């Protein structure tokens, strides 16, 4: 299981409280989005099927596409 810090570093994000994710890979600024479900998945990494990292990756890519 990866730590929250490892996942933040891997995706270049910052989790804020339990409801927001800052994407910090933009040129000179960070962009914050409300993403409680993805934030929860990253913080708790709970998945019965064992593919939580694939789901996190999909969610991060989807959120980035909206920015």
N, C-alpha and C. Protein backbone atom coordinates (compact mmCIF):
# COMPACT_ATOMS: atom_id res chain seq x y z
N UNK A 1 0.85 -1.18 0.00
CA UNK A 1 0.00 0.00 0.00
C UNK A 1 0.90 1.24 0.00
N UNK A 2 0.58 2.18 -0.87
CA UNK A 2 1.34 3.42 -0.97
C UNK A 2 0.85 4.41 0.09
N UNK A 3 1.74 5.28 0.49
CA UNK A 3 1.34 6.33 1.44
C UNK A 3 0.66 7.46 0.68
N UNK A 4 -0.07 8.28 1.40
CA UNK A 4 -0.72 9.44 0.80
C UNK A 4 0.33 10.35 0.19
N UNK A 5 1.44 10.53 0.87
CA UNK A 5 2.52 11.39 0.38
C UNK A 5 3.10 10.86 -0.92
N UNK A 6 3.24 9.55 -1.04
CA UNK A 6 3.76 8.95 -2.28
C UNK A 6 2.80 9.19 -3.44
N UNK A 7 1.51 9.05 -3.18
CA UNK A 7 0.52 9.29 -4.23
C UNK A 7 0.46 10.76 -4.61
N UNK A 8 0.57 11.65 -3.62
CA UNK A 8 0.60 13.09 -3.92
C UNK A 8 1.79 13.42 -4.80
N UNK A 9 2.93 12.84 -4.50
CA UNK A 9 4.14 13.10 -5.28
C UNK A 9 4.02 12.50 -6.68
N UNK A 10 3.48 11.30 -6.77
CA UNK A 10 3.34 10.61 -8.05
C UNK A 10 2.46 11.40 -9.02
N UNK A 11 1.37 11.96 -8.53
CA UNK A 11 0.42 12.68 -9.39
C UNK A 11 0.60 14.20 -9.35
N UNK A 12 1.57 14.67 -8.57
CA UNK A 12 1.83 16.10 -8.42
C UNK A 12 0.56 16.84 -7.99
N UNK A 13 -0.03 16.33 -6.91
CA UNK A 13 -1.25 16.91 -6.35
C UNK A 13 -1.05 17.18 -4.87
N UNK A 14 -1.98 17.88 -4.29
CA UNK A 14 -2.01 18.10 -2.84
C UNK A 14 -3.44 17.93 -2.37
N UNK A 15 -3.65 17.05 -1.41
CA UNK A 15 -4.98 16.85 -0.84
C UNK A 15 -5.23 17.89 0.23
N UNK A 16 -6.37 18.55 0.16
CA UNK A 16 -6.73 19.57 1.12
C UNK A 16 -7.96 19.08 1.89
N UNK A 17 -7.77 18.97 3.22
CA UNK A 17 -8.83 18.45 4.10
C UNK A 17 -9.34 17.13 3.53
N UNK A 18 -10.66 16.94 3.52
CA UNK A 18 -11.25 15.71 3.00
C UNK A 18 -12.08 15.94 1.75
N UNK A 19 -11.90 17.08 1.10
CA UNK A 19 -12.82 17.38 0.01
C UNK A 19 -12.19 17.99 -1.23
N UNK A 20 -10.94 18.43 -1.18
CA UNK A 20 -10.38 19.16 -2.30
C UNK A 20 -9.04 18.57 -2.72
N UNK A 21 -8.75 18.69 -4.02
CA UNK A 21 -7.47 18.27 -4.57
C UNK A 21 -6.91 19.44 -5.37
N UNK A 22 -5.68 19.81 -5.08
CA UNK A 22 -4.97 20.82 -5.86
C UNK A 22 -4.06 20.11 -6.85
N UNK A 23 -4.19 20.46 -8.13
CA UNK A 23 -3.28 19.98 -9.16
C UNK A 23 -2.19 21.03 -9.32
N UNK A 24 -0.96 20.64 -9.08
CA UNK A 24 0.14 21.60 -9.03
C UNK A 24 1.08 21.47 -10.23
N UNK A 25 0.66 20.82 -11.29
CA UNK A 25 1.55 20.66 -12.44
C UNK A 25 1.26 21.67 -13.55
N UNK A 26 0.51 22.70 -13.24
CA UNK A 26 0.26 23.76 -14.20
C UNK A 26 1.45 24.71 -14.17
N UNK A 27 1.57 25.59 -15.15
CA UNK A 27 2.74 26.45 -15.31
C UNK A 27 3.12 27.18 -14.03
N UNK A 28 2.36 28.17 -13.64
CA UNK A 28 2.74 28.99 -12.48
C UNK A 28 1.69 28.99 -11.39
N UNK A 29 0.79 28.05 -11.40
CA UNK A 29 -0.29 28.07 -10.41
C UNK A 29 -0.81 26.66 -10.16
N UNK A 30 -1.56 26.53 -9.11
CA UNK A 30 -2.26 25.28 -8.80
C UNK A 30 -3.74 25.48 -9.04
N UNK A 31 -4.41 24.43 -9.42
CA UNK A 31 -5.85 24.47 -9.66
C UNK A 31 -6.50 23.50 -8.68
N UNK A 32 -7.47 23.99 -7.92
CA UNK A 32 -8.17 23.16 -6.95
C UNK A 32 -9.52 22.74 -7.47
N UNK A 33 -9.88 21.50 -7.20
CA UNK A 33 -11.21 20.99 -7.56
C UNK A 33 -11.79 20.26 -6.35
N UNK A 34 -13.10 20.33 -6.24
CA UNK A 34 -13.78 19.55 -5.21
C UNK A 34 -13.91 18.12 -5.72
N UNK A 35 -13.35 17.20 -5.01
CA UNK A 35 -13.34 15.81 -5.44
C UNK A 35 -13.30 14.90 -4.21
N UNK A 36 -14.39 14.88 -3.49
CA UNK A 36 -14.43 14.14 -2.24
C UNK A 36 -14.19 12.64 -2.42
N UNK A 37 -14.77 12.06 -3.47
CA UNK A 37 -14.63 10.62 -3.67
C UNK A 37 -13.18 10.23 -3.96
N UNK A 38 -12.53 10.97 -4.86
CA UNK A 38 -11.14 10.67 -5.19
C UNK A 38 -10.24 10.93 -3.99
N UNK A 39 -10.50 12.01 -3.29
CA UNK A 39 -9.74 12.32 -2.09
C UNK A 39 -9.87 11.18 -1.09
N UNK A 40 -11.07 10.68 -0.89
CA UNK A 40 -11.32 9.57 0.03
C UNK A 40 -10.57 8.32 -0.41
N UNK A 41 -10.61 8.01 -1.71
CA UNK A 41 -9.92 6.82 -2.21
C UNK A 41 -8.42 6.91 -1.95
N UNK A 42 -7.84 8.09 -2.19
CA UNK A 42 -6.41 8.26 -1.98
C UNK A 42 -6.07 8.14 -0.50
N UNK A 43 -6.85 8.78 0.35
CA UNK A 43 -6.55 8.76 1.78
C UNK A 43 -6.73 7.37 2.39
N UNK A 44 -7.71 6.63 1.93
CA UNK A 44 -8.03 5.35 2.57
C UNK A 44 -7.63 4.12 1.77
N UNK A 45 -7.51 4.26 0.45
CA UNK A 45 -7.11 3.17 -0.43
C UNK A 45 -7.87 1.88 -0.14
N UNK A 46 -9.18 2.03 -0.03
CA UNK A 46 -10.04 0.89 0.27
C UNK A 46 -10.69 0.40 -1.03
N UNK A 47 -10.48 -0.86 -1.33
CA UNK A 47 -11.08 -1.43 -2.52
C UNK A 47 -11.16 -2.94 -2.36
N UNK A 48 -12.34 -3.49 -2.55
CA UNK A 48 -12.53 -4.93 -2.40
C UNK A 48 -11.98 -5.72 -3.57
N UNK A 49 -11.84 -5.07 -4.73
CA UNK A 49 -11.42 -5.79 -5.92
C UNK A 49 -9.91 -5.72 -6.15
N UNK A 50 -9.21 -4.92 -5.39
CA UNK A 50 -7.76 -4.87 -5.50
C UNK A 50 -7.21 -3.96 -6.59
N UNK A 51 -8.06 -3.23 -7.30
CA UNK A 51 -7.57 -2.37 -8.37
C UNK A 51 -7.75 -0.89 -8.02
N UNK A 52 -7.52 -0.54 -6.79
CA UNK A 52 -7.73 0.83 -6.32
C UNK A 52 -6.80 1.81 -7.03
N UNK A 53 -5.56 1.41 -7.32
CA UNK A 53 -4.63 2.33 -7.96
C UNK A 53 -5.05 2.65 -9.39
N UNK A 54 -5.64 1.67 -10.07
CA UNK A 54 -6.19 1.92 -11.42
C UNK A 54 -7.34 2.91 -11.34
N UNK A 55 -8.20 2.76 -10.34
CA UNK A 55 -9.33 3.68 -10.18
C UNK A 55 -8.85 5.08 -9.82
N UNK A 56 -7.85 5.18 -8.95
CA UNK A 56 -7.30 6.48 -8.59
C UNK A 56 -6.72 7.14 -9.84
N UNK A 57 -5.96 6.37 -10.62
CA UNK A 57 -5.35 6.90 -11.84
C UNK A 57 -6.42 7.40 -12.82
N UNK A 58 -7.47 6.61 -13.01
CA UNK A 58 -8.57 7.02 -13.89
C UNK A 58 -9.22 8.31 -13.39
N UNK A 59 -9.48 8.39 -12.11
CA UNK A 59 -10.13 9.58 -11.55
C UNK A 59 -9.25 10.82 -11.68
N UNK A 60 -7.96 10.68 -11.41
CA UNK A 60 -7.05 11.82 -11.53
C UNK A 60 -7.01 12.31 -12.97
N UNK A 61 -6.90 11.38 -13.93
CA UNK A 61 -6.89 11.76 -15.35
C UNK A 61 -8.19 12.44 -15.75
N UNK A 62 -9.30 11.93 -15.28
CA UNK A 62 -10.60 12.53 -15.59
C UNK A 62 -10.71 13.94 -15.01
N UNK A 63 -10.32 14.11 -13.76
CA UNK A 63 -10.35 15.43 -13.14
C UNK A 63 -9.45 16.41 -13.88
N UNK A 64 -8.27 15.96 -14.28
CA UNK A 64 -7.35 16.83 -15.01
C UNK A 64 -7.92 17.24 -16.36
N UNK A 65 -8.68 16.35 -16.99
CA UNK A 65 -9.24 16.67 -18.30
C UNK A 65 -10.31 17.76 -18.21
N UNK A 66 -10.90 17.92 -17.05
CA UNK A 66 -11.93 18.95 -16.86
C UNK A 66 -11.33 20.33 -16.61
N UNK A 67 -10.05 20.36 -16.23
CA UNK A 67 -9.42 21.64 -15.89
C UNK A 67 -9.04 22.39 -17.15
